[in-house]
Structure formats: C-alpha cells, structure tokens
Amino acid sequence: MDLQPDHPHPRARWAPGATPPARPVPGKKRENIMGVVDKAKNAAQDAKGKAKEAAGKSTDNDRLETEGKADQSKADVKNAGEKVKDAFKH
C-alpha cells in the first residue's frame, strides 16, 4: 500500500493536501454539561424557595416564608455567577 507524503492515512476522510477537521477540545463538552446541570439546580432551588414562601404565606409561618425568600436569593446569586462564567467562556 502506497502512502502519499501529503496523505497521512489511506482511509483519511479529507482530500490529499487538505487540512484535517478540527478535533474537539477535551473537557469542553463536559464544561457545557456542567453549566446546564448547575443552571437546572439553580432553577430547582428557586422553585423550592417559591414553594416555601407560598406555603409560609398561606400558613402565616414567617420562618418558612423567610426560608423561601432566602432560597430564592441564593438561586439568584448562583445564576448571576453562571452568567459571569458564560460571559468569560465566549
């Protein structure tokens, strides 16, 4: 089997002399998945906070209402952090 100098492998999927396709950057896909997971967790925490706040209001439980507001605030801060991370990625 004859290999041409500009053709590295006989079964290469690009034309001789053409540059090979770019390979994915290791870990890049994982970072994207982690970002999605973090955003989903933040949304869940926000929903949990809203539920706690509503339950606290309906039962006149100030502690539960305050916990709900705190959970929502934590989720908001985490979302802001995710937005900052996303801004530096692109």
Protein backbone atom coordinates (compact mmCIF):
# COMPACT_ATOMS: atom_id res chain seq x y z
CA MET A 1 0.00 0.00 0.00
CA ASP A 2 1.48 3.29 -1.10
CA LEU A 3 1.07 6.31 1.15
CA GLN A 4 1.48 9.68 -0.45
CA PRO A 5 3.53 12.15 1.63
CA ASP A 6 0.65 14.62 1.87
CA HIS A 7 -1.89 11.92 2.69
CA PRO A 8 -1.26 10.51 6.20
CA HIS A 9 -3.61 7.53 6.05
CA PRO A 10 -5.20 5.60 3.19
CA ARG A 11 -8.68 5.86 4.77
CA ALA A 12 -8.49 9.52 5.71
CA ARG A 13 -11.75 11.37 5.13
CA TRP A 14 -10.29 14.52 3.60
CA ALA A 15 -8.77 15.22 0.24
CA PRO A 16 -5.00 14.99 -0.19
CA GLY A 17 -3.43 18.31 0.69
CA ALA A 18 -6.47 19.46 2.68
CA THR A 19 -6.23 20.09 6.40
CA PRO A 20 -7.89 17.54 8.65
CA PRO A 21 -11.06 18.54 10.53
CA ALA A 22 -10.54 20.15 13.92
CA ARG A 23 -10.74 17.81 16.85
CA PRO A 24 -12.95 18.71 19.80
CA VAL A 25 -11.21 20.30 22.74
CA PRO A 26 -11.02 17.77 25.61
CA GLY A 27 -13.23 18.77 28.52
CA LYS A 28 -15.15 21.44 26.59
CA LYS A 29 -18.30 19.32 26.28
CA ARG A 30 -18.10 18.45 29.95
CA GLU A 31 -17.96 22.15 30.86
CA ASN A 32 -21.11 22.78 28.82
CA ILE A 33 -22.91 19.91 30.51
CA MET A 34 -21.81 21.10 33.94
CA GLY A 35 -23.18 24.56 33.17
CA VAL A 36 -26.55 23.11 32.18
CA VAL A 37 -26.65 20.98 35.33
CA ASP A 38 -25.78 23.96 37.52
CA LYS A 39 -28.49 26.08 35.88
CA ALA A 40 -31.05 23.32 36.40
CA LYS A 41 -30.08 23.02 40.08
CA ASN A 42 -30.43 26.79 40.47
CA ALA A 43 -33.87 26.71 38.86
CA ALA A 44 -34.91 23.89 41.18
CA GLN A 45 -33.68 25.83 44.21
CA ASP A 46 -35.60 28.90 43.04
CA ALA A 47 -38.79 26.84 42.59
CA LYS A 48 -38.31 25.28 46.02
CA GLY A 49 -37.91 28.76 47.51
CA LYS A 50 -41.09 29.99 45.83
CA ALA A 51 -42.98 26.97 47.14
CA LYS A 52 -41.68 27.54 50.67
CA GLU A 53 -42.57 31.22 50.50
CA ALA A 54 -46.10 30.44 49.29
CA ALA A 55 -46.54 27.78 51.97
CA GLY A 56 -45.30 30.21 54.61
CA LYS A 57 -47.71 32.92 53.47
CA SER A 58 -50.69 30.58 53.38
CA THR A 59 -49.99 29.21 56.87
CA ASP A 60 -48.81 32.51 58.40
CA ASN A 61 -45.44 30.87 59.11
CA ASP A 62 -42.90 33.69 58.97
CA ARG A 63 -39.92 31.35 59.34
CA LEU A 64 -40.93 29.26 56.32
CA GLU A 65 -41.66 32.37 54.28
CA THR A 66 -38.23 33.79 55.13
CA GLU A 67 -36.53 30.48 54.25
CA GLY A 68 -38.25 30.56 50.88
CA LYS A 69 -37.06 34.08 50.18
CA ALA A 70 -33.53 33.09 51.22
CA ASP A 71 -33.57 30.08 48.87
CA GLN A 72 -34.67 32.32 46.02
CA SER A 73 -31.91 34.80 46.81
CA LYS A 74 -29.29 32.04 46.82
CA ALA A 75 -30.53 30.81 43.45
CA ASP A 76 -30.38 34.36 42.06
CA VAL A 77 -26.78 34.80 43.23
CA LYS A 78 -25.79 31.45 41.71
CA ASN A 79 -27.49 32.37 38.43
CA ALA A 80 -25.54 35.63 38.36
CA GLY A 81 -22.33 33.64 38.85
CA GLU A 82 -23.29 31.34 35.96
CA LYS A 83 -23.88 34.36 33.73
CA VAL A 84 -20.44 35.72 34.61
CA LYS A 85 -18.84 32.35 33.81
CA ASP A 86 -20.73 32.22 30.50
CA ALA A 87 -19.55 35.73 29.62
CA PHE A 88 -15.91 34.71 30.03
CA LYS A 89 -16.36 31.48 28.03
CA HIS A 90 -17.39 33.29 24.87
